[in-house]
Protein backbone atom coordinates (compact mmCIF):
# COMPACT_ATOMS: atom_id res chain seq x y z
CA MET A 1 7.31 7.16 270.44
CA GLU A 2 7.94 9.89 272.70
CA ARG A 3 6.71 13.42 272.54
CA ILE A 4 8.81 16.34 273.50
CA LYS A 5 5.55 19.29 274.19
CA LEU A 6 7.13 22.76 272.58
CA ALA A 7 3.96 24.54 272.98
CA GLU A 8 0.56 24.26 273.70
CA ASP A 9 -0.50 22.21 270.08
CA LEU A 10 2.76 21.30 269.30
CA SER A 11 4.74 18.17 270.19
CA PHE A 12 7.73 17.10 268.36
CA SER A 13 8.43 12.86 268.19
CA ARG A 14 11.78 12.63 270.55
CA LEU A 15 13.93 11.67 267.29
CA VAL A 16 13.46 13.58 264.49
CA TYR A 17 14.79 13.08 261.18
CA GLY A 18 17.01 14.55 258.53
CA LEU A 19 16.75 15.33 255.16
CA TRP A 20 20.24 17.20 254.58
CA ARG A 21 21.31 14.31 252.26
CA LEU A 22 18.42 13.47 250.88
CA ALA A 23 19.60 14.94 247.23
CA ASN A 24 22.63 12.49 247.85
CA TRP A 25 20.28 9.55 247.70
CA LYS A 26 19.38 9.74 244.08
CA GLN A 27 15.88 8.50 244.83
CA SER A 28 12.74 8.68 242.33
CA SER A 29 10.04 10.47 244.44
CA GLY A 30 8.07 7.36 244.71
CA GLN A 31 11.33 5.85 246.95
CA THR A 32 11.79 8.89 249.14
CA LEU A 33 7.40 8.79 250.26
CA ASP A 34 8.22 5.70 250.74
CA LEU A 35 10.84 6.16 253.03
CA LEU A 36 9.36 9.03 254.53
CA LYS A 37 6.21 6.00 255.51
CA TYR A 38 8.70 4.31 257.03
CA VAL A 39 10.20 6.73 258.89
CA TYR A 40 6.31 7.49 260.37
CA GLU A 41 4.82 4.28 260.78
CA GLN A 42 7.94 4.08 263.41
CA GLY A 43 6.94 6.95 265.27
CA VAL A 44 8.94 9.01 263.79
CA THR A 45 6.78 12.65 263.06
CA THR A 46 9.38 15.33 263.12
CA PHE A 47 11.08 16.16 259.50
CA ASP A 48 14.54 18.63 259.59
CA HIS A 49 14.75 20.89 256.53
CA ALA A 50 16.47 23.41 255.49
CA ASP A 51 16.53 25.83 252.20
CA ILE A 52 19.78 24.94 250.99
CA TYR A 53 19.65 21.94 251.79
CA GLY A 54 20.82 19.90 248.87
CA SER A 55 21.87 23.20 246.84
CA TYR A 56 18.63 24.80 247.22
CA THR A 57 16.82 21.02 246.11
CA CYS A 58 15.92 18.87 249.36
CA GLU A 59 12.83 20.95 249.70
CA GLU A 60 11.70 20.30 246.24
CA LEU A 61 12.28 16.53 246.21
CA PHE A 62 10.33 16.39 249.49
CA GLY A 63 7.52 17.83 248.27
CA VAL A 64 7.23 16.28 245.36
CA ALA A 65 7.41 13.03 246.98
CA LEU A 66 4.88 14.41 249.77
CA ALA A 67 2.35 15.81 247.07
CA LYS A 68 1.89 11.63 245.98
CA GLU A 69 -0.06 11.20 249.36
CA PRO A 70 -0.87 14.65 250.51
CA SER A 71 -3.07 13.56 253.96
CA LEU A 72 0.25 12.42 255.15
CA ARG A 73 1.33 16.51 255.64
CA GLN A 74 -1.21 16.61 258.66
CA LYS A 75 0.06 13.55 260.58
CA ILE A 76 3.55 15.34 260.58
CA GLU A 77 5.97 18.40 261.57
CA ILE A 78 8.01 20.08 259.26
CA VAL A 79 10.78 22.37 260.28
CA THR A 80 13.04 24.65 258.04
CA LYS A 81 16.07 26.82 258.34
CA CYS A 82 16.40 29.77 257.05
CA GLY A 83 19.78 32.59 256.95
CA ILE A 84 22.47 31.17 255.36
CA VAL A 85 23.19 31.91 251.34
CA LEU A 86 25.26 29.77 249.36
CA PRO A 87 26.48 30.22 245.89
CA SER A 88 24.61 27.87 243.96
CA PRO A 89 23.51 26.97 240.43
CA GLN A 90 20.06 27.58 241.10
CA ARG A 91 21.23 30.57 242.88
CA PRO A 92 23.50 32.22 240.41
CA ASN A 93 23.34 35.92 241.89
CA HIS A 94 24.83 34.77 244.69
CA LYS A 95 29.09 35.39 244.12
CA THR A 96 29.84 35.13 248.55
CA HIS A 97 28.74 32.37 250.99
CA HIS A 98 27.22 35.02 253.21
CA TYR A 99 24.31 35.09 256.09
CA HIS A 100 21.19 37.20 255.72
CA THR A 101 18.36 37.81 257.53
CA SER A 102 16.86 40.43 256.73
CA LYS A 103 12.88 40.40 257.23
CA SER A 104 12.34 40.43 253.37
CA HIS A 105 15.18 37.94 252.60
CA ILE A 106 13.00 35.66 255.54
CA ILE A 107 9.44 36.44 253.71
CA ALA A 108 10.86 34.92 250.59
CA SER A 109 12.90 32.49 252.27
CA VAL A 110 9.90 31.44 253.90
CA ASP A 111 7.74 31.57 250.62
CA GLN A 112 10.34 30.08 248.52
CA SER A 113 10.32 26.45 250.99
CA LEU A 114 6.59 26.64 251.23
CA LYS A 115 6.40 25.96 247.60
CA ASN A 116 8.88 23.50 247.67
CA LEU A 117 7.31 21.79 250.11
CA GLN A 118 4.19 21.97 248.35
CA THR A 119 2.67 23.02 251.95
CA ASP A 120 0.37 26.21 253.23
CA TYR A 121 2.61 26.36 256.56
CA ILE A 122 5.92 25.02 258.47
CA ASP A 123 5.43 24.10 262.10
CA VAL A 124 8.93 25.80 263.03
CA LEU A 125 10.83 27.83 261.23
CA LEU A 126 14.81 27.98 262.48
CA ILE A 127 17.29 30.98 261.59
CA HIS A 128 19.80 29.06 260.49
CA ARG A 129 23.05 30.54 261.63
CA PRO A 130 23.81 33.38 264.30
CA ASP A 131 24.21 36.40 261.38
CA PRO A 132 26.66 39.17 262.71
CA LEU A 133 24.95 41.93 261.12
CA MET A 134 21.62 40.93 261.74
CA ASN A 135 18.85 43.66 263.29
CA PRO A 136 17.00 41.87 265.72
CA GLU A 137 14.28 43.89 265.18
CA GLU A 138 13.62 43.32 261.51
CA VAL A 139 13.34 39.31 262.42
CA ALA A 140 11.02 40.28 264.91
CA GLU A 141 9.17 41.67 262.23
CA ALA A 142 9.37 39.05 259.68
CA PHE A 143 8.61 36.46 262.54
CA GLU A 144 5.13 38.35 263.45
CA THR A 145 4.10 38.55 259.90
CA LEU A 146 5.15 34.98 259.16
CA LYS A 147 2.60 34.10 261.78
CA LYS A 148 -0.25 36.75 261.38
CA ASP A 149 -0.20 35.44 257.53
CA GLY A 150 -0.23 31.88 258.91
CA LYS A 151 2.48 30.49 256.99
CA VAL A 152 4.71 29.36 259.96
CA ARG A 153 3.16 28.14 263.48
CA TYR A 154 6.42 28.82 265.51
CA PHE A 155 10.25 29.82 265.65
CA GLY A 156 13.57 29.26 266.96
CA VAL A 157 17.16 29.10 265.93
CA SER A 158 20.10 26.80 264.96
CA ASN A 159 23.94 27.06 266.03
CA PHE A 160 22.85 29.87 268.56
CA LYS A 161 24.77 30.60 271.70
CA SER A 162 23.68 31.96 274.99
CA ASP A 163 24.27 35.83 274.73
CA GLN A 164 23.13 34.86 270.90
CA LEU A 165 19.52 33.16 271.95
CA THR A 166 19.14 35.86 274.77
CA MET A 167 19.54 38.63 272.12
CA LEU A 168 17.69 37.35 269.48
CA GLN A 169 14.84 36.39 272.14
CA SER A 170 14.66 39.96 273.61
CA TYR A 171 13.35 41.50 270.70
CA VAL A 172 10.92 38.63 269.69
CA SER A 173 7.08 38.77 271.54
CA GLU A 174 6.69 34.49 271.31
CA LYS A 175 9.08 32.46 273.11
CA LEU A 176 11.14 30.69 270.68
CA VAL A 177 11.12 27.02 271.26
CA ILE A 178 14.05 24.92 269.28
CA ASN A 179 17.67 25.44 269.29
CA GLN A 180 19.09 22.95 266.84
CA VAL A 181 23.11 22.61 267.72
CA GLU A 182 25.37 19.83 267.54
CA LEU A 183 26.48 17.56 270.22
CA SER A 184 27.94 14.12 270.27
CA PRO A 185 30.11 11.74 272.64
CA LEU A 186 33.03 12.86 269.98
CA VAL A 187 32.08 16.97 270.18
CA LEU A 188 31.32 18.45 273.28
CA GLU A 189 31.50 22.17 272.65
CA ASN A 190 27.74 22.71 273.28
CA ILE A 191 28.39 21.22 276.83
CA GLU A 192 31.51 23.30 277.81
CA ASP A 193 29.85 26.75 276.56
CA GLY A 194 27.19 26.73 278.54
CA THR A 195 24.65 26.48 275.80
CA MET A 196 22.93 23.49 276.77
CA ASN A 197 22.32 25.17 280.22
CA ALA A 198 21.27 28.30 278.05
CA CYS A 199 18.77 26.08 276.74
CA LEU A 200 17.54 24.79 280.41
CA GLU A 201 17.41 28.19 281.41
CA ASN A 202 14.80 29.71 278.76
CA ARG A 203 13.31 26.53 278.51
CA LEU A 204 13.77 25.87 274.87
CA VAL A 205 14.02 22.35 273.21
CA PRO A 206 17.76 21.31 271.68
CA MET A 207 17.55 19.05 268.82
CA ILE A 208 20.84 17.69 267.97
CA TRP A 209 22.49 17.59 264.71
CA SER A 210 25.32 15.16 263.53
CA PRO A 211 24.60 12.81 266.83
CA LEU A 212 27.30 10.56 265.37
CA ALA A 213 29.88 13.50 264.44
CA GLY A 214 29.39 12.90 260.65
CA GLY A 215 30.08 8.85 260.94
CA LYS A 216 33.47 9.77 262.45
CA LEU A 217 32.54 7.71 265.99
CA PHE A 218 32.68 4.61 263.83
CA SER A 219 36.16 5.97 261.90
CA ASP A 220 38.31 8.47 263.42
CA MET A 221 41.74 6.82 264.52
CA SER A 222 43.15 9.70 266.63
CA GLU A 223 43.45 9.25 270.07
CA LYS A 224 40.22 10.75 270.83
CA GLY A 225 38.20 8.90 268.82
CA VAL A 226 39.63 5.29 269.69
CA ARG A 227 39.01 6.48 273.18
CA VAL A 228 35.67 7.41 272.91
CA ARG A 229 34.72 3.86 270.55
CA GLU A 230 36.47 2.08 273.12
CA ALA A 231 34.15 3.50 275.97
CA LEU A 232 30.78 3.23 273.62
CA THR A 233 31.88 -0.48 273.34
CA GLU A 234 32.16 -1.52 276.74
CA VAL A 235 28.32 0.36 277.96
CA GLN A 236 27.18 -1.65 274.49
CA LYS A 237 28.37 -4.49 276.02
CA GLU A 238 26.87 -3.49 279.62
CA ILE A 239 23.66 -2.48 278.45
CA GLY A 240 23.41 -5.27 275.94
CA ALA A 241 22.88 -2.79 272.77
CA GLY A 242 23.54 -3.98 269.31
CA SER A 243 25.82 -1.07 268.17
CA ILE A 244 27.78 1.64 269.79
CA ASP A 245 25.78 3.87 267.56
CA GLU A 246 22.99 2.97 269.83
CA VAL A 247 24.77 4.12 272.89
CA ALA A 248 25.61 7.16 271.53
CA TYR A 249 22.39 8.21 270.97
CA ALA A 250 21.28 6.90 274.60
CA TRP A 251 24.54 9.47 275.58
CA ILE A 252 22.36 12.52 274.34
CA LEU A 253 18.98 11.35 275.56
CA ARG A 254 20.22 11.23 278.68
CA HIS A 255 20.86 15.08 278.46
CA PRO A 256 18.32 16.97 280.97
CA ALA A 257 17.05 19.32 278.75
CA LYS A 258 14.69 16.96 276.81
CA THR A 259 17.63 16.61 273.60
CA MET A 260 15.97 15.77 270.45
CA PRO A 261 18.22 13.69 267.99
CA ILE A 262 18.41 13.99 264.18
CA ILE A 263 19.04 10.82 262.46
CA GLY A 264 20.57 11.72 259.10
CA THR A 265 20.46 8.28 257.30
CA GLN A 266 17.89 6.23 254.52
CA LYS A 267 19.39 2.94 255.89
CA LYS A 268 16.96 1.32 257.46
CA GLU A 269 18.97 -0.50 260.21
CA ARG A 270 20.73 2.91 261.13
CA ILE A 271 17.07 4.48 261.75
CA GLN A 272 16.48 1.39 263.93
CA ALA A 273 19.44 2.09 266.04
CA ALA A 274 18.22 5.50 266.61
CA ILE A 275 14.73 4.18 267.85
CA ASN A 276 16.37 1.20 269.85
CA ALA A 277 18.43 3.59 272.01
CA LEU A 278 15.46 5.25 273.35
CA GLN A 279 14.85 1.85 275.88
CA TYR A 280 17.85 2.42 277.36
CA GLU A 281 18.84 5.16 280.10
CA LEU A 282 22.36 5.07 280.84
CA THR A 283 23.54 5.39 284.74
CA LEU A 284 25.78 7.54 286.06
CA ASP A 285 28.81 6.05 285.86
CA GLN A 286 28.10 4.90 282.06
CA TRP A 287 27.55 8.51 281.12
CA PHE A 288 30.68 9.74 282.51
CA ALA A 289 33.02 7.13 281.06
CA ILE A 290 32.20 8.05 278.08
CA LEU A 291 32.16 12.18 278.59
CA HIS A 292 36.11 10.90 280.61
CA SER A 293 36.57 9.25 277.21
CA SER A 294 36.03 12.24 275.55
CA LEU A 295 37.96 14.65 277.54
CA GLY A 296 41.05 12.87 277.89
CA HIS A 297 40.52 12.94 281.67
CA GLU A 298 38.29 12.46 284.90
CA VAL A 299 35.99 15.59 285.85
CA PRO A 300 37.41 17.90 288.14
């Protein structure tokens, strides 16, 4: 599988495997390990987490599985995120959904993630959401401490807009390597508002969450949803793809920013569909036909 170079000593698989639904799958640790190994065998070596996933349980479920075969850790890359705080039985002192990006919170979150994941380092740590009360000096200090202590190799952000990205980067001495953002044929916000352009400008790779719009590509019966599905189906026929999700992934992969879509399913046929998409390069006619279906009109 193609690999994307993020730094001199770090590259990710072009497709990333997301674990945000892991707790919902109700698997044994053995079943989770088998799934991780299956994904790895397909060439997907990068795994995406956040401290809050599964109401603060998914990292631990992953870590228990990984501990059954510790040698796998050296073959994979782990991304995790911090900065969102949710009320949860796991965090009884949290009364409101809020953001927390102080130096102490970031470091404490990483320490907990390392424990849960049963690893001694994280390949890339992301700030999960822009925080209106973020003190960028504290974030920079946290990053420097975590890097110096060997707990985190590189850093990035998630859901940051252009100005937010530029602001934080101006305080952080080391180059941010990822911005994890939403993009799909149904959700164009980050193309329209310049976020993807900012990724190109800053030589920063966009990791794409919800590339199938949370499954709405298959089920949305709005006028827009129907238009997009018809366009995807037409391109599917033209390129001989097995399903419209293959076309949706191919549409995302066509972007010059070297997008890295996140696969968020345990179903092997859906995992394979994402991998199949790597073989297709949509023509400009095909890419813009899908864009037009989402916009509801042609580009100017």
